Amino acid sequence: MIAEASPDLDPQTSVVAIDGPAGSGKSTVARRVAEASGLAYLDTGAMYRAITLGVLNRSLDPADRDAVAAALPAIDIEVGRTTVLVDGAAATDAIRSAAVTQNVSAVAANPAVRAALVGLQQQWISQQQGGVLEGRDIGTVVAPRAGVKVFLTASTRERARRRALETGGDIDEVEADIIRRDQLDSQRAESPLRKAEDADVIDTTEYSIDEVVGLITAMIEAAGLADTADTHEKRMN
C-alpha cells in the first residue's frame, strides 16, 4: 500500500518540478534525477501521450474537443516508472510514435483532458508525498508550491538534433515540428507552456545529461528533498 500523506505537511513542497519544451531533455533528466535522489518519478508527458494514443485508436479527430472529452472516461491509462498501458495493452513504444507526437499538443490543449490529468497528477503527489515530475505546467499549475523548480531549454536546432537521433527523422522536418509544437503549447488557453517565475532556467544546449542531472541533484540536496533508499522503498510498497 502507498503511505498516506501527513495532514500536517504540504506534499507539494517535496516536489521537484522539471518543465520545458519538447526536446529539452525533460524525460531523461527527470528519470535520472529521481534515481539519483531516491525520489518517486512521474512522466506526465507520457500521460498525455497515452490519452492521445487512446484517441487515435478510437479513430477520433484529436482536435475535436467535444468528441475527445466524451471519450475520455473510457480511455484507461496506466503510466508506471518504465511502462505504459493504454486500454490494457502495452503502449510504452506506441506513445512515442510519429502519429502521437504530431497530435499530442492538440489533445493536451483540450480543457477536459488537462483537468482530468492535472487532477490525477496532484493525487499522485499526495499519495507519494512528493516526487519528481516533468512536463510543461508542473511548476505553474500542477505543483505551484514545489520545493525545487527547474525550466529546461535548448536551441531549437539542438532539440531537433536530439529528436532526430531518437526517431531517425529528418532534422529539418523535426525542427519544423518542434517549432509548431512550441507555438501550440505556449499559446493554448489551458496551462500554457511557460516558466514559473521562481524556476531556475538551465539551457541544456551545451550540457551533457550527466551535467544537467548533477546541477538539479545539487538543488534537491540544498533544498533537503533527497530521499533515502529505505524511505523510497516504503513509499513504493
C-alpha atoms as a PDB file:
ATOM      1  CA  MET A   1       0.000   0.000   0.000  1.00  0.00           C
ATOM      2  CA  ILE A   2       1.035   3.606  -0.597  1.00  0.00           C
ATOM      3  CA  ALA A   3       1.564   5.570   2.587  1.00  0.00           C
ATOM      4  CA  GLU A   4      -0.956   8.295   3.313  1.00  0.00           C
ATOM      5  CA  ALA A   5       0.353  11.859   3.283  1.00  0.00           C
ATOM      6  CA  SER A   6       0.630  13.526   6.666  1.00  0.00           C
ATOM      7  CA  PRO A   7      -2.155  16.097   7.109  1.00  0.00           C
ATOM      8  CA  ASP A   8       0.397  18.426   8.704  1.00  0.00           C
ATOM      9  CA  LEU A   9       2.614  18.544   5.609  1.00  0.00           C
ATOM     10  CA  ASP A  10       2.082  20.024   2.169  1.00  0.00           C
ATOM     11  CA  PRO A  11       3.289  17.278  -0.221  1.00  0.00           C
ATOM     12  CA  GLN A  12       3.800  19.843  -2.973  1.00  0.00           C
ATOM     13  CA  THR A  13       6.767  21.282  -1.106  1.00  0.00           C
ATOM     14  CA  SER A  14       8.514  17.927  -1.641  1.00  0.00           C
ATOM     15  CA  VAL A  15       8.034  18.088  -5.424  1.00  0.00           C
ATOM     16  CA  VAL A  16      10.840  18.567  -7.919  1.00  0.00           C
ATOM     17  CA  ALA A  17       9.180  20.216 -10.934  1.00  0.00           C
ATOM     18  CA  ILE A  18      11.053  19.912 -14.229  1.00  0.00           C
ATOM     19  CA  ASP A  19       9.370  21.824 -17.048  1.00  0.00           C
ATOM     20  CA  GLY A  20      10.412  22.728 -20.567  1.00  0.00           C
ATOM     21  CA  PRO A  21       9.583  22.470 -24.258  1.00  0.00           C
ATOM     22  CA  ALA A  22       9.784  19.398 -26.489  1.00  0.00           C
ATOM     23  CA  GLY A  23      13.283  18.008 -26.904  1.00  0.00           C
ATOM     24  CA  SER A  24      14.805  19.853 -23.958  1.00  0.00           C
ATOM     25  CA  GLY A  25      15.664  16.575 -22.229  1.00  0.00           C
ATOM     26  CA  LYS A  26      12.959  16.618 -19.543  1.00  0.00           C
ATOM     27  CA  SER A  27      12.097  12.930 -19.500  1.00  0.00           C
ATOM     28  CA  THR A  28      15.647  11.598 -19.489  1.00  0.00           C
ATOM     29  CA  VAL A  29      16.827  14.145 -16.949  1.00  0.00           C
ATOM     30  CA  ALA A  30      13.833  13.718 -14.639  1.00  0.00           C
ATOM     31  CA  ARG A  31      14.172   9.939 -14.621  1.00  0.00           C
ATOM     32  CA  ARG A  32      17.878  10.136 -13.848  1.00  0.00           C
ATOM     33  CA  VAL A  33      17.328  12.779 -11.169  1.00  0.00           C
ATOM     34  CA  ALA A  34      14.706  10.605  -9.473  1.00  0.00           C
ATOM     35  CA  GLU A  35      17.083   7.641  -9.476  1.00  0.00           C
ATOM     36  CA  ALA A  36      19.943   9.722  -8.103  1.00  0.00           C
ATOM     37  CA  SER A  37      17.867  11.312  -5.339  1.00  0.00           C
ATOM     38  CA  GLY A  38      15.772   8.282  -4.381  1.00  0.00           C
ATOM     39  CA  LEU A  39      12.502  10.059  -5.139  1.00  0.00           C
ATOM     40  CA  ALA A  40       9.384   8.745  -6.861  1.00  0.00           C
ATOM     41  CA  TYR A  41       9.014   9.710 -10.536  1.00  0.00           C
ATOM     42  CA  LEU A  42       6.058  10.517 -12.797  1.00  0.00           C
ATOM     43  CA  ASP A  43       6.342  11.201 -16.523  1.00  0.00           C
ATOM     44  CA  THR A  44       3.322  13.452 -17.073  1.00  0.00           C
ATOM     45  CA  GLY A  45       4.139  13.802 -20.745  1.00  0.00           C
ATOM     46  CA  ALA A  46       3.600  10.056 -21.102  1.00  0.00           C
ATOM     47  CA  MET A  47       0.123  10.524 -19.621  1.00  0.00           C
ATOM     48  CA  TYR A  48      -0.859  12.986 -22.361  1.00  0.00           C
ATOM     49  CA  ARG A  49       0.689  10.752 -24.995  1.00  0.00           C
ATOM     50  CA  ALA A  50      -1.242   7.775 -23.635  1.00  0.00           C
ATOM     51  CA  ILE A  51      -4.524   9.671 -23.877  1.00  0.00           C
ATOM     52  CA  THR A  52      -3.587  10.739 -27.407  1.00  0.00           C
ATOM     53  CA  LEU A  53      -2.956   7.123 -28.396  1.00  0.00           C
ATOM     54  CA  GLY A  54      -6.343   6.186 -26.949  1.00  0.00           C
ATOM     55  CA  VAL A  55      -7.960   8.926 -29.024  1.00  0.00           C
ATOM     56  CA  LEU A  56      -6.213   7.789 -32.220  1.00  0.00           C
ATOM     57  CA  ASN A  57      -7.085   4.140 -31.536  1.00  0.00           C
ATOM     58  CA  ARG A  58     -10.734   5.197 -31.494  1.00  0.00           C
ATOM     59  CA  SER A  59     -10.326   6.978 -34.853  1.00  0.00           C
ATOM     60  CA  LEU A  60     -11.294  10.308 -33.306  1.00  0.00           C
ATOM     61  CA  ASP A  61     -10.118  13.702 -34.501  1.00  0.00           C
ATOM     62  CA  PRO A  62      -7.651  14.899 -31.810  1.00  0.00           C
ATOM     63  CA  ALA A  63      -8.743  18.492 -32.483  1.00  0.00           C
ATOM     64  CA  ASP A  64     -12.431  17.698 -31.863  1.00  0.00           C
ATOM     65  CA  ARG A  65     -12.604  18.745 -28.233  1.00  0.00           C
ATOM     66  CA  ASP A  66     -16.150  17.578 -27.633  1.00  0.00           C
ATOM     67  CA  ALA A  67     -15.517  14.109 -29.084  1.00  0.00           C
ATOM     68  CA  VAL A  68     -12.285  13.706 -27.124  1.00  0.00           C
ATOM     69  CA  ALA A  69     -13.941  14.886 -23.906  1.00  0.00           C
ATOM     70  CA  ALA A  70     -16.803  12.423 -24.414  1.00  0.00           C
ATOM     71  CA  ALA A  71     -14.406   9.526 -24.979  1.00  0.00           C
ATOM     72  CA  LEU A  72     -12.065  10.450 -22.135  1.00  0.00           C
ATOM     73  CA  PRO A  73     -13.795   8.445 -19.337  1.00  0.00           C
ATOM     74  CA  ALA A  74     -13.446   5.252 -21.376  1.00  0.00           C
ATOM     75  CA  ILE A  75      -9.714   5.637 -22.097  1.00  0.00           C
ATOM     76  CA  ASP A  76      -7.849   3.631 -19.467  1.00  0.00           C
ATOM     77  CA  ILE A  77      -4.192   4.546 -18.988  1.00  0.00           C
ATOM     78  CA  GLU A  78      -1.536   3.281 -16.597  1.00  0.00           C
ATOM     79  CA  VAL A  79       1.770   5.142 -16.529  1.00  0.00           C
ATOM     80  CA  GLY A  80       4.470   3.458 -14.478  1.00  0.00           C
ATOM     81  CA  ARG A  81       8.107   4.305 -13.996  1.00  0.00           C
ATOM     82  CA  THR A  82       9.166   2.443 -17.154  1.00  0.00           C
ATOM     83  CA  THR A  83       5.989   1.047 -18.716  1.00  0.00           C
ATOM     84  CA  VAL A  84       2.749   2.429 -20.140  1.00  0.00           C
ATOM     85  CA  LEU A  85      -0.564   0.660 -20.743  1.00  0.00           C
ATOM     86  CA  VAL A  86      -3.442   2.050 -22.804  1.00  0.00           C
ATOM     87  CA  ASP A  87      -6.756   0.225 -22.520  1.00  0.00           C
ATOM     88  CA  GLY A  88      -4.891  -2.721 -21.031  1.00  0.00           C
ATOM     89  CA  ALA A  89      -2.408  -3.077 -23.896  1.00  0.00           C
ATOM     90  CA  ALA A  90       1.337  -2.400 -23.717  1.00  0.00           C
ATOM     91  CA  ALA A  91       1.987   1.025 -25.212  1.00  0.00           C
ATOM     92  CA  THR A  92       5.424   2.102 -23.975  1.00  0.00           C
ATOM     93  CA  ASP A  93       6.764   2.338 -27.524  1.00  0.00           C
ATOM     94  CA  ALA A  94       3.498   3.229 -29.254  1.00  0.00           C
ATOM     95  CA  ILE A  95       3.092   6.500 -27.359  1.00  0.00           C
ATOM     96  CA  ARG A  96       6.374   7.682 -28.924  1.00  0.00           C
ATOM     97  CA  SER A  97       5.146   7.120 -32.488  1.00  0.00           C
ATOM     98  CA  ALA A  98       5.162   9.920 -35.069  1.00  0.00           C
ATOM     99  CA  ALA A  99       1.350   9.992 -35.120  1.00  0.00           C
ATOM    100  CA  VAL A 100       1.134  10.522 -31.361  1.00  0.00           C
ATOM    101  CA  THR A 101       3.887  13.142 -31.434  1.00  0.00           C
ATOM    102  CA  GLN A 102       2.068  15.087 -34.155  1.00  0.00           C
ATOM    103  CA  ASN A 103      -1.251  15.096 -32.291  1.00  0.00           C
ATOM    104  CA  VAL A 104      -0.377  15.235 -28.598  1.00  0.00           C
ATOM    105  CA  SER A 105      -0.318  19.050 -28.450  1.00  0.00           C
ATOM    106  CA  ALA A 106      -3.900  19.233 -29.749  1.00  0.00           C
ATOM    107  CA  VAL A 107      -5.088  16.673 -27.197  1.00  0.00           C
ATOM    108  CA  ALA A 108      -3.135  18.331 -24.372  1.00  0.00           C
ATOM    109  CA  ALA A 109      -4.796  21.667 -25.167  1.00  0.00           C
ATOM    110  CA  ASN A 110      -8.228  20.170 -24.504  1.00  0.00           C
ATOM    111  CA  PRO A 111      -9.526  21.632 -21.192  1.00  0.00           C
ATOM    112  CA  ALA A 112     -11.241  18.362 -20.269  1.00  0.00           C
ATOM    113  CA  VAL A 113      -8.037  16.374 -20.751  1.00  0.00           C
ATOM    114  CA  ARG A 114      -5.942  18.826 -18.786  1.00  0.00           C
ATOM    115  CA  ALA A 115      -8.417  18.970 -15.906  1.00  0.00           C
ATOM    116  CA  ALA A 116      -8.539  15.170 -15.667  1.00  0.00           C
ATOM    117  CA  LEU A 117      -4.784  14.639 -15.832  1.00  0.00           C
ATOM    118  CA  VAL A 118      -3.834  17.539 -13.572  1.00  0.00           C
ATOM    119  CA  GLY A 119      -6.188  16.019 -11.007  1.00  0.00           C
ATOM    120  CA  LEU A 120      -4.513  12.621 -11.341  1.00  0.00           C
ATOM    121  CA  GLN A 121      -1.054  14.180 -11.081  1.00  0.00           C
ATOM    122  CA  GLN A 122      -1.955  16.070  -7.919  1.00  0.00           C
ATOM    123  CA  GLN A 123      -3.445  12.891  -6.461  1.00  0.00           C
ATOM    124  CA  TRP A 124      -0.172  11.091  -7.229  1.00  0.00           C
ATOM    125  CA  ILE A 125       1.770  13.846  -5.433  1.00  0.00           C
ATOM    126  CA  SER A 126      -0.396  13.426  -2.341  1.00  0.00           C
ATOM    127  CA  GLN A 127      -0.039   9.641  -2.373  1.00  0.00           C
ATOM    128  CA  GLN A 128       3.730   9.720  -2.892  1.00  0.00           C
ATOM    129  CA  GLN A 129       4.231  12.722  -0.595  1.00  0.00           C
ATOM    130  CA  GLY A 130       6.208  14.484  -3.306  1.00  0.00           C
ATOM    131  CA  GLY A 131       8.476  13.252  -6.067  1.00  0.00           C
ATOM    132  CA  VAL A 132       9.962  14.258  -9.411  1.00  0.00           C
ATOM    133  CA  LEU A 133       7.528  15.305 -12.136  1.00  0.00           C
ATOM    134  CA  GLU A 134       8.330  16.576 -15.614  1.00  0.00           C
ATOM    135  CA  GLY A 135       6.067  18.372 -18.054  1.00  0.00           C
ATOM    136  CA  ARG A 136       5.106  21.823 -19.238  1.00  0.00           C
ATOM    137  CA  ASP A 137       2.958  23.092 -16.373  1.00  0.00           C
ATOM    138  CA  ILE A 138       4.267  21.308 -13.279  1.00  0.00           C
ATOM    139  CA  GLY A 139       5.745  24.356 -11.563  1.00  0.00           C
ATOM    140  CA  THR A 140       2.921  26.670 -12.633  1.00  0.00           C
ATOM    141  CA  VAL A 141      -0.277  24.597 -12.347  1.00  0.00           C
ATOM    142  CA  VAL A 142       0.227  21.055 -11.050  1.00  0.00           C
ATOM    143  CA  ALA A 143       2.563  21.886  -8.151  1.00  0.00           C
ATOM    144  CA  PRO A 144       2.943  25.670  -7.831  1.00  0.00           C
ATOM    145  CA  ARG A 145       4.423  25.218  -4.323  1.00  0.00           C
ATOM    146  CA  ALA A 146       7.115  22.773  -5.481  1.00  0.00           C
ATOM    147  CA  GLY A 147      10.269  22.841  -3.403  1.00  0.00           C
ATOM    148  CA  VAL A 148      12.513  22.771  -6.482  1.00  0.00           C
ATOM    149  CA  LYS A 149      11.516  24.228  -9.859  1.00  0.00           C
ATOM    150  CA  VAL A 150      13.618  23.865 -12.982  1.00  0.00           C
ATOM    151  CA  PHE A 151      12.891  25.015 -16.529  1.00  0.00           C
ATOM    152  CA  LEU A 152      14.986  23.181 -19.109  1.00  0.00           C
ATOM    153  CA  THR A 153      15.525  24.671 -22.539  1.00  0.00           C
ATOM    154  CA  ALA A 154      17.841  24.377 -25.535  1.00  0.00           C
ATOM    155  CA  SER A 155      18.119  25.836 -29.018  1.00  0.00           C
ATOM    156  CA  THR A 156      15.515  24.535 -31.451  1.00  0.00           C
ATOM    157  CA  ARG A 157      18.263  23.067 -33.618  1.00  0.00           C
ATOM    158  CA  GLU A 158      19.778  21.133 -30.732  1.00  0.00           C
ATOM    159  CA  ARG A 159      16.362  19.887 -29.647  1.00  0.00           C
ATOM    160  CA  ALA A 160      15.671  18.787 -33.221  1.00  0.00           C
ATOM    161  CA  ARG A 161      19.028  17.028 -33.399  1.00  0.00           C
ATOM    162  CA  ARG A 162      18.216  15.035 -30.274  1.00  0.00           C
ATOM    163  CA  ARG A 163      14.764  14.052 -31.500  1.00  0.00           C
ATOM    164  CA  ALA A 164      16.087  13.138 -34.944  1.00  0.00           C
ATOM    165  CA  LEU A 165      18.644  10.826 -33.331  1.00  0.00           C
ATOM    166  CA  GLU A 166      15.870   9.168 -31.311  1.00  0.00           C
ATOM    167  CA  THR A 167      13.401   8.768 -34.177  1.00  0.00           C
ATOM    168  CA  GLY A 168      15.618   8.605 -37.249  1.00  0.00           C
ATOM    169  CA  GLY A 169      13.674  11.503 -38.765  1.00  0.00           C
ATOM    170  CA  ASP A 170      14.950  14.322 -40.965  1.00  0.00           C
ATOM    171  CA  ILE A 171      16.377  17.051 -38.723  1.00  0.00           C
ATOM    172  CA  ASP A 172      14.783  19.905 -40.700  1.00  0.00           C
ATOM    173  CA  GLU A 173      11.356  18.290 -40.556  1.00  0.00           C
ATOM    174  CA  VAL A 174      11.776  17.548 -36.865  1.00  0.00           C
ATOM    175  CA  GLU A 175      12.812  21.141 -36.176  1.00  0.00           C
ATOM    176  CA  ALA A 176       9.757  22.473 -38.029  1.00  0.00           C
ATOM    177  CA  ASP A 177       7.516  20.193 -35.945  1.00  0.00           C
ATOM    178  CA  ILE A 178       9.198  21.328 -32.712  1.00  0.00           C
ATOM    179  CA  ILE A 179       8.615  24.979 -33.607  1.00  0.00           C
ATOM    180  CA  ARG A 180       4.964  24.171 -34.374  1.00  0.00           C
ATOM    181  CA  ARG A 181       4.552  22.361 -31.057  1.00  0.00           C
ATOM    182  CA  ASP A 182       6.202  25.203 -29.145  1.00  0.00           C
ATOM    183  CA  GLN A 183       3.669  27.618 -30.602  1.00  0.00           C
ATOM    184  CA  LEU A 184       0.723  25.364 -29.791  1.00  0.00           C
ATOM    185  CA  ASP A 185       1.946  24.624 -26.268  1.00  0.00           C
ATOM    186  CA  SER A 186       2.732  28.243 -25.386  1.00  0.00           C
ATOM    187  CA  GLN A 187      -0.435  29.715 -26.895  1.00  0.00           C
ATOM    188  CA  ARG A 188      -3.047  27.306 -25.540  1.00  0.00           C
ATOM    189  CA  ALA A 189      -5.548  28.759 -23.101  1.00  0.00           C
ATOM    190  CA  GLU A 190      -5.302  25.949 -20.547  1.00  0.00           C
ATOM    191  CA  SER A 191      -1.985  25.559 -18.682  1.00  0.00           C
ATOM    192  CA  PRO A 192       0.271  27.009 -21.387  1.00  0.00           C
ATOM    193  CA  LEU A 193       3.963  26.221 -21.535  1.00  0.00           C
ATOM    194  CA  ARG A 194       5.719  28.919 -19.550  1.00  0.00           C
ATOM    195  CA  LYS A 195       8.457  29.247 -16.980  1.00  0.00           C
ATOM    196  CA  ALA A 196       7.388  29.632 -13.376  1.00  0.00           C
ATOM    197  CA  GLU A 197       8.618  32.960 -12.029  1.00  0.00           C
ATOM    198  CA  ASP A 198      10.661  31.239  -9.337  1.00  0.00           C
ATOM    199  CA  ALA A 199      12.092  28.477 -11.554  1.00  0.00           C
ATOM    200  CA  ASP A 200      15.802  28.081 -12.261  1.00  0.00           C
ATOM    201  CA  VAL A 201      16.498  28.040 -16.011  1.00  0.00           C
ATOM    202  CA  ILE A 202      19.037  25.552 -17.371  1.00  0.00           C
ATOM    203  CA  ASP A 203      19.955  25.838 -21.041  1.00  0.00           C
ATOM    204  CA  THR A 204      20.963  22.281 -21.899  1.00  0.00           C
ATOM    205  CA  THR A 205      22.348  23.086 -25.359  1.00  0.00           C
ATOM    206  CA  GLU A 206      25.964  22.828 -24.246  1.00  0.00           C
ATOM    207  CA  TYR A 207      25.481  20.500 -21.260  1.00  0.00           C
ATOM    208  CA  SER A 208      25.637  16.721 -21.125  1.00  0.00           C
ATOM    209  CA  ILE A 209      22.836  14.760 -19.438  1.00  0.00           C
ATOM    210  CA  ASP A 210      25.168  13.954 -16.540  1.00  0.00           C
ATOM    211  CA  GLU A 211      25.958  17.643 -16.029  1.00  0.00           C
ATOM    212  CA  VAL A 212      22.284  18.636 -16.003  1.00  0.00           C
ATOM    213  CA  VAL A 213      21.416  15.820 -13.600  1.00  0.00           C
ATOM    214  CA  GLY A 214      24.273  16.934 -11.344  1.00  0.00           C
ATOM    215  CA  LEU A 215      23.030  20.524 -11.279  1.00  0.00           C
ATOM    216  CA  ILE A 216      19.469  19.533 -10.356  1.00  0.00           C
ATOM    217  CA  THR A 217      20.565  16.925  -7.818  1.00  0.00           C
ATOM    218  CA  ALA A 218      22.594  19.624  -6.086  1.00  0.00           C
ATOM    219  CA  MET A 219      19.471  21.813  -5.928  1.00  0.00           C
ATOM    220  CA  ILE A 220      17.497  18.939  -4.408  1.00  0.00           C
ATOM    221  CA  GLU A 221      20.137  18.316  -1.776  1.00  0.00           C
ATOM    222  CA  ALA A 222      20.308  22.030  -0.957  1.00  0.00           C
ATOM    223  CA  ALA A 223      16.523  22.055  -0.503  1.00  0.00           C
ATOM    224  CA  GLY A 224      16.697  18.998   1.752  1.00  0.00           C
ATOM    225  CA  LEU A 225      14.468  16.892  -0.529  1.00  0.00           C
ATOM    226  CA  ALA A 226      16.803  13.988  -1.283  1.00  0.00           C
ATOM    227  CA  ASP A 227      15.193  10.749  -0.125  1.00  0.00           C
ATOM    228  CA  THR A 228      16.816   7.667   1.328  1.00  0.00           C
ATOM    229  CA  ALA A 229      16.546   4.294  -0.355  1.00  0.00           C
ATOM    230  CA  ASP A 230      14.725   2.851   2.671  1.00  0.00           C
ATOM    231  CA  THR A 231      12.121   5.625   2.738  1.00  0.00           C
ATOM    232  CA  HIS A 232      11.584   5.371  -1.019  1.00  0.00           C
ATOM    233  CA  GLU A 233      11.111   1.603  -0.727  1.00  0.00           C
ATOM    234  CA  LYS A 234       8.445   2.113   1.928  1.00  0.00           C
ATOM    235  CA  ARG A 235       6.586   4.621  -0.270  1.00  0.00           C
ATOM    236  CA  MET A 236       6.501   2.240  -3.222  1.00  0.00           C
ATOM    237  CA  ASN A 237       5.161  -0.716  -1.200  1.00  0.00           C
END
